Amino acid sequence: MVTHTSKKVYILGVTLAGRAFRPSDWAERLAGVMSQFRPGGQAQGKHLTYSPWCIPTSVNNVRCVIVHHDLRDYNVMAWDFVMGFAKDNELQVHHGEPPQAHPHGHHHKH
């Protein structure tokens, strides 16, 4: 069942025009910038880890960043920064898992 109350937003490394976004490590860079925004505040003295609210990953060999709605509740400026990054670079944004994340789902050609 598909619900649109998903707490996750997927920012794909693919532009609205369908081109791969460069640099290829953009997801790690963005997540690195956002790593300080995390439950309990910034981790002290530990090696840099990603925030659970902004995680770089891949969906069907496409780089993406999963952004959790809790980030918006914690720091709306941080949320706006991530969403602004996606908008400025014309990246595809999906609320919930992108449709191509389900290989057995229905494929719609646009």
N, C-alpha and C. Protein backbone atom coordinates (compact mmCIF):
# COMPACT_ATOMS: atom_id res chain seq x y z
N MET A 1 0.84 -1.19 0.00
CA MET A 1 0.00 0.00 0.00
C MET A 1 0.88 1.24 0.00
N VAL A 2 0.55 2.18 -0.84
CA VAL A 2 1.35 3.40 -0.94
C VAL A 2 0.67 4.50 -0.12
N THR A 3 1.41 5.06 0.81
CA THR A 3 0.88 6.19 1.57
C THR A 3 1.76 7.40 1.29
N HIS A 4 1.14 8.57 1.31
CA HIS A 4 1.91 9.78 1.08
C HIS A 4 2.22 10.48 2.40
N THR A 5 2.11 9.71 3.48
CA THR A 5 2.48 10.24 4.79
C THR A 5 3.89 9.78 5.14
N SER A 6 4.65 9.40 4.12
CA SER A 6 6.01 8.94 4.34
C SER A 6 6.81 10.02 5.05
N LYS A 7 7.68 9.58 5.97
CA LYS A 7 8.51 10.51 6.71
C LYS A 7 9.84 10.76 5.99
N LYS A 8 9.99 10.18 4.81
CA LYS A 8 11.27 10.31 4.10
C LYS A 8 11.07 10.95 2.74
N VAL A 9 12.04 11.77 2.38
CA VAL A 9 12.07 12.38 1.06
C VAL A 9 13.34 11.91 0.38
N TYR A 10 13.21 11.44 -0.85
CA TYR A 10 14.36 10.97 -1.62
C TYR A 10 14.74 12.04 -2.64
N ILE A 11 15.98 12.54 -2.52
CA ILE A 11 16.50 13.47 -3.51
C ILE A 11 17.41 12.66 -4.43
N LEU A 12 17.01 12.53 -5.68
CA LEU A 12 17.77 11.71 -6.62
C LEU A 12 18.82 12.53 -7.35
N GLY A 13 19.94 11.87 -7.66
CA GLY A 13 21.00 12.52 -8.41
C GLY A 13 20.71 12.52 -9.89
N VAL A 14 19.46 12.82 -10.23
CA VAL A 14 19.04 12.90 -11.62
C VAL A 14 18.25 14.20 -11.76
N THR A 15 18.57 14.97 -12.79
CA THR A 15 17.88 16.24 -12.97
C THR A 15 16.49 16.01 -13.54
N LEU A 16 15.68 17.06 -13.48
CA LEU A 16 14.33 16.98 -14.05
C LEU A 16 14.40 16.67 -15.54
N ALA A 17 15.51 17.04 -16.17
CA ALA A 17 15.71 16.76 -17.59
C ALA A 17 16.20 15.33 -17.83
N GLY A 18 16.48 14.60 -16.74
CA GLY A 18 16.87 13.20 -16.88
C GLY A 18 18.37 12.96 -16.96
N ARG A 19 19.16 14.00 -16.70
CA ARG A 19 20.61 13.84 -16.76
C ARG A 19 21.16 13.50 -15.37
N ALA A 20 22.25 12.75 -15.35
CA ALA A 20 22.92 12.42 -14.09
C ALA A 20 23.56 13.69 -13.53
N PHE A 21 23.39 13.89 -12.23
CA PHE A 21 23.93 15.08 -11.58
C PHE A 21 25.39 14.85 -11.23
N ARG A 22 26.20 15.85 -11.45
CA ARG A 22 27.62 15.81 -11.11
C ARG A 22 27.93 16.88 -10.08
N PRO A 23 28.92 16.72 -9.22
CA PRO A 23 29.89 15.61 -9.16
C PRO A 23 29.25 14.34 -8.62
N SER A 24 29.90 13.20 -8.90
CA SER A 24 29.30 11.92 -8.51
C SER A 24 29.23 11.76 -7.00
N ASP A 25 30.05 12.51 -6.26
CA ASP A 25 30.01 12.39 -4.80
C ASP A 25 29.14 13.47 -4.15
N TRP A 26 28.22 14.05 -4.93
CA TRP A 26 27.38 15.12 -4.39
C TRP A 26 26.58 14.64 -3.17
N ALA A 27 26.14 13.38 -3.18
CA ALA A 27 25.32 12.87 -2.07
C ALA A 27 26.12 12.84 -0.77
N GLU A 28 27.37 12.37 -0.86
CA GLU A 28 28.23 12.33 0.32
C GLU A 28 28.56 13.74 0.79
N ARG A 29 28.78 14.65 -0.16
CA ARG A 29 29.08 16.03 0.21
C ARG A 29 27.91 16.68 0.93
N LEU A 30 26.72 16.52 0.36
CA LEU A 30 25.53 17.12 0.97
C LEU A 30 25.28 16.52 2.35
N ALA A 31 25.37 15.20 2.46
CA ALA A 31 25.15 14.54 3.75
C ALA A 31 26.23 14.94 4.76
N GLY A 32 27.45 15.17 4.25
CA GLY A 32 28.53 15.60 5.13
C GLY A 32 28.25 16.97 5.73
N VAL A 33 27.74 17.87 4.91
CA VAL A 33 27.39 19.20 5.38
C VAL A 33 26.28 19.10 6.44
N MET A 34 25.35 18.17 6.23
CA MET A 34 24.19 18.04 7.11
C MET A 34 24.45 17.15 8.33
N SER A 35 25.65 16.57 8.42
CA SER A 35 25.90 15.57 9.46
C SER A 35 25.81 16.13 10.88
N GLN A 36 25.98 17.46 11.01
CA GLN A 36 25.92 18.07 12.34
C GLN A 36 24.49 18.12 12.88
N PHE A 37 23.50 18.04 11.99
CA PHE A 37 22.11 18.10 12.41
C PHE A 37 21.63 16.68 12.68
N ARG A 38 21.55 16.34 13.96
CA ARG A 38 21.24 14.96 14.34
C ARG A 38 20.55 14.94 15.69
N PRO A 39 19.87 13.82 15.98
CA PRO A 39 19.22 13.71 17.30
C PRO A 39 20.26 13.87 18.41
N GLY A 40 19.96 14.69 19.40
CA GLY A 40 20.89 14.89 20.51
C GLY A 40 21.98 15.89 20.22
N GLY A 41 21.93 16.53 19.05
CA GLY A 41 22.93 17.54 18.73
C GLY A 41 24.18 16.94 18.14
N GLN A 42 25.16 17.80 17.90
CA GLN A 42 26.38 17.38 17.22
C GLN A 42 27.18 16.39 18.07
N ALA A 43 27.63 15.33 17.46
CA ALA A 43 28.44 14.33 18.16
C ALA A 43 29.80 14.91 18.47
N GLN A 44 30.24 14.77 19.71
CA GLN A 44 31.54 15.31 20.12
C GLN A 44 32.58 14.19 20.14
N GLY A 45 33.75 14.50 19.56
CA GLY A 45 34.89 13.60 19.69
C GLY A 45 34.80 12.32 18.89
N LYS A 46 33.71 12.11 18.18
CA LYS A 46 33.61 10.90 17.36
C LYS A 46 34.00 11.24 15.93
N HIS A 47 34.37 10.21 15.18
CA HIS A 47 34.64 10.46 13.77
C HIS A 47 33.33 10.85 13.11
N LEU A 48 33.46 11.56 12.02
CA LEU A 48 32.28 12.11 11.35
C LEU A 48 31.41 10.98 10.81
N THR A 49 30.17 10.97 11.25
CA THR A 49 29.21 10.04 10.69
C THR A 49 28.06 10.85 10.13
N TYR A 50 27.28 10.24 9.26
CA TYR A 50 26.15 10.95 8.68
C TYR A 50 25.01 11.03 9.69
N SER A 51 24.24 12.07 9.59
CA SER A 51 23.05 12.19 10.40
C SER A 51 22.03 11.16 9.92
N PRO A 52 21.28 10.54 10.85
CA PRO A 52 20.23 9.60 10.42
C PRO A 52 19.12 10.31 9.64
N TRP A 53 19.12 11.63 9.66
CA TRP A 53 18.10 12.40 8.95
C TRP A 53 18.52 12.77 7.53
N CYS A 54 19.79 12.50 7.17
CA CYS A 54 20.27 12.86 5.84
C CYS A 54 21.35 11.86 5.44
N ILE A 55 20.93 10.83 4.70
CA ILE A 55 21.80 9.69 4.44
C ILE A 55 22.01 9.49 2.94
N PRO A 56 23.28 9.45 2.51
CA PRO A 56 23.54 9.16 1.09
C PRO A 56 23.38 7.68 0.82
N THR A 57 22.78 7.35 -0.30
CA THR A 57 22.58 5.95 -0.65
C THR A 57 22.40 5.86 -2.16
N SER A 58 22.05 4.68 -2.64
CA SER A 58 21.76 4.51 -4.06
C SER A 58 20.44 3.77 -4.21
N VAL A 59 19.65 4.15 -5.19
CA VAL A 59 18.44 3.44 -5.54
C VAL A 59 18.56 3.09 -7.02
N ASN A 60 18.62 1.80 -7.32
CA ASN A 60 18.78 1.35 -8.71
C ASN A 60 19.96 2.04 -9.40
N ASN A 61 21.09 2.04 -8.72
CA ASN A 61 22.33 2.60 -9.25
C ASN A 61 22.27 4.11 -9.47
N VAL A 62 21.30 4.77 -8.87
CA VAL A 62 21.24 6.23 -8.91
C VAL A 62 21.58 6.75 -7.53
N ARG A 63 22.57 7.64 -7.46
CA ARG A 63 22.92 8.24 -6.18
C ARG A 63 21.75 9.05 -5.67
N CYS A 64 21.48 8.96 -4.38
CA CYS A 64 20.43 9.78 -3.81
C CYS A 64 20.71 10.05 -2.34
N VAL A 65 19.97 11.01 -1.80
CA VAL A 65 20.05 11.32 -0.38
C VAL A 65 18.65 11.16 0.18
N ILE A 66 18.55 10.41 1.27
CA ILE A 66 17.27 10.26 1.96
C ILE A 66 17.23 11.28 3.08
N VAL A 67 16.24 12.17 3.03
CA VAL A 67 16.09 13.20 4.05
C VAL A 67 14.84 12.89 4.87
N HIS A 68 14.99 12.89 6.19
CA HIS A 68 13.87 12.54 7.06
C HIS A 68 13.17 13.80 7.55
N HIS A 69 11.83 13.70 7.65
CA HIS A 69 11.05 14.86 8.07
C HIS A 69 11.42 15.36 9.46
N ASP A 70 12.01 14.50 10.29
CA ASP A 70 12.43 14.94 11.62
C ASP A 70 13.45 16.08 11.54
N LEU A 71 14.20 16.13 10.45
CA LEU A 71 15.15 17.22 10.26
C LEU A 71 14.42 18.56 10.23
N ARG A 72 13.27 18.59 9.56
CA ARG A 72 12.50 19.83 9.47
C ARG A 72 12.00 20.26 10.85
N ASP A 73 11.59 19.27 11.65
CA ASP A 73 11.13 19.58 13.01
C ASP A 73 12.27 20.08 13.88
N TYR A 74 13.47 19.55 13.64
CA TYR A 74 14.64 19.89 14.45
C TYR A 74 15.23 21.23 14.05
N ASN A 75 15.36 21.46 12.74
CA ASN A 75 15.98 22.70 12.27
C ASN A 75 15.46 23.00 10.86
N VAL A 76 14.49 23.92 10.80
CA VAL A 76 13.85 24.19 9.52
C VAL A 76 14.82 24.83 8.52
N MET A 77 15.82 25.55 9.02
CA MET A 77 16.81 26.15 8.11
C MET A 77 17.64 25.06 7.43
N ALA A 78 17.97 24.02 8.18
CA ALA A 78 18.72 22.90 7.60
C ALA A 78 17.87 22.19 6.55
N TRP A 79 16.59 22.00 6.87
CA TRP A 79 15.66 21.39 5.92
C TRP A 79 15.57 22.23 4.65
N ASP A 80 15.40 23.54 4.82
CA ASP A 80 15.28 24.44 3.67
C ASP A 80 16.55 24.42 2.83
N PHE A 81 17.71 24.27 3.49
CA PHE A 81 18.97 24.21 2.76
C PHE A 81 19.01 23.00 1.83
N VAL A 82 18.62 21.83 2.37
CA VAL A 82 18.64 20.60 1.57
C VAL A 82 17.64 20.69 0.43
N MET A 83 16.42 21.15 0.75
CA MET A 83 15.40 21.25 -0.28
C MET A 83 15.76 22.33 -1.31
N GLY A 84 16.39 23.38 -0.85
CA GLY A 84 16.85 24.42 -1.76
C GLY A 84 17.94 23.92 -2.69
N PHE A 85 18.81 23.08 -2.15
CA PHE A 85 19.87 22.47 -2.96
C PHE A 85 19.26 21.65 -4.09
N ALA A 86 18.25 20.86 -3.75
CA ALA A 86 17.59 20.03 -4.76
C ALA A 86 16.91 20.91 -5.81
N LYS A 87 16.26 21.96 -5.34
CA LYS A 87 15.53 22.84 -6.26
C LYS A 87 16.49 23.60 -7.18
N ASP A 88 17.56 24.15 -6.58
CA ASP A 88 18.52 24.94 -7.36
C ASP A 88 19.19 24.11 -8.45
N ASN A 89 19.40 22.83 -8.15
CA ASN A 89 20.07 21.94 -9.10
C ASN A 89 19.08 21.13 -9.94
N GLU A 90 17.79 21.45 -9.77
CA GLU A 90 16.72 20.78 -10.54
C GLU A 90 16.78 19.27 -10.39
N LEU A 91 17.00 18.82 -9.15
CA LEU A 91 17.04 17.38 -8.90
C LEU A 91 15.63 16.85 -8.67
N GLN A 92 15.44 15.59 -9.00
CA GLN A 92 14.14 14.96 -8.79
C GLN A 92 13.97 14.64 -7.31
N VAL A 93 12.82 15.00 -6.78
CA VAL A 93 12.51 14.78 -5.36
C VAL A 93 11.26 13.92 -5.26
N HIS A 94 11.34 12.86 -4.46
CA HIS A 94 10.20 11.97 -4.27
C HIS A 94 9.86 11.91 -2.78
N HIS A 95 8.60 12.10 -2.46
CA HIS A 95 8.15 11.92 -1.08
C HIS A 95 7.79 10.45 -0.92
N GLY A 96 8.64 9.74 -0.19
CA GLY A 96 8.54 8.29 -0.16
C GLY A 96 9.45 7.70 -1.21
N GLU A 97 9.53 6.38 -1.25
CA GLU A 97 10.45 5.73 -2.17
C GLU A 97 10.15 6.07 -3.62
N PRO A 98 11.18 6.35 -4.40
CA PRO A 98 10.96 6.62 -5.83
C PRO A 98 10.32 5.41 -6.49
N PRO A 99 9.50 5.63 -7.50
CA PRO A 99 8.79 4.52 -8.14
C PRO A 99 9.71 3.43 -8.67
N GLN A 100 10.89 3.82 -9.16
CA GLN A 100 11.78 2.79 -9.72
C GLN A 100 12.48 1.98 -8.64
N ALA A 101 12.22 2.29 -7.37
CA ALA A 101 12.82 1.51 -6.29
C ALA A 101 12.15 0.14 -6.18
N HIS A 102 11.01 -0.03 -6.83
CA HIS A 102 10.31 -1.30 -6.80
C HIS A 102 10.37 -1.94 -8.19
N PRO A 103 11.32 -2.86 -8.39
CA PRO A 103 11.53 -3.41 -9.73
C PRO A 103 10.31 -4.17 -10.26
N HIS A 104 9.43 -4.64 -9.38
CA HIS A 104 8.28 -5.41 -9.84
C HIS A 104 7.03 -4.55 -9.95
N GLY A 105 7.20 -3.24 -9.77
CA GLY A 105 6.06 -2.34 -9.85
C GLY A 105 5.69 -2.06 -11.30
N HIS A 106 4.69 -1.25 -11.51
CA HIS A 106 4.27 -0.87 -12.86
C HIS A 106 5.17 0.25 -13.36
N HIS A 107 5.57 0.15 -14.59
CA HIS A 107 6.43 1.17 -15.17
C HIS A 107 5.58 2.11 -16.03
N HIS A 108 5.69 3.40 -15.74
CA HIS A 108 4.97 4.39 -16.53
C HIS A 108 5.98 5.19 -17.34
N LYS A 109 5.78 5.23 -18.61
CA LYS A 109 6.66 6.02 -19.47
C LYS A 109 6.06 7.41 -19.64
N HIS A 110 6.90 8.40 -19.47
CA HIS A 110 6.42 9.78 -19.65
C HIS A 110 6.92 10.32 -20.97
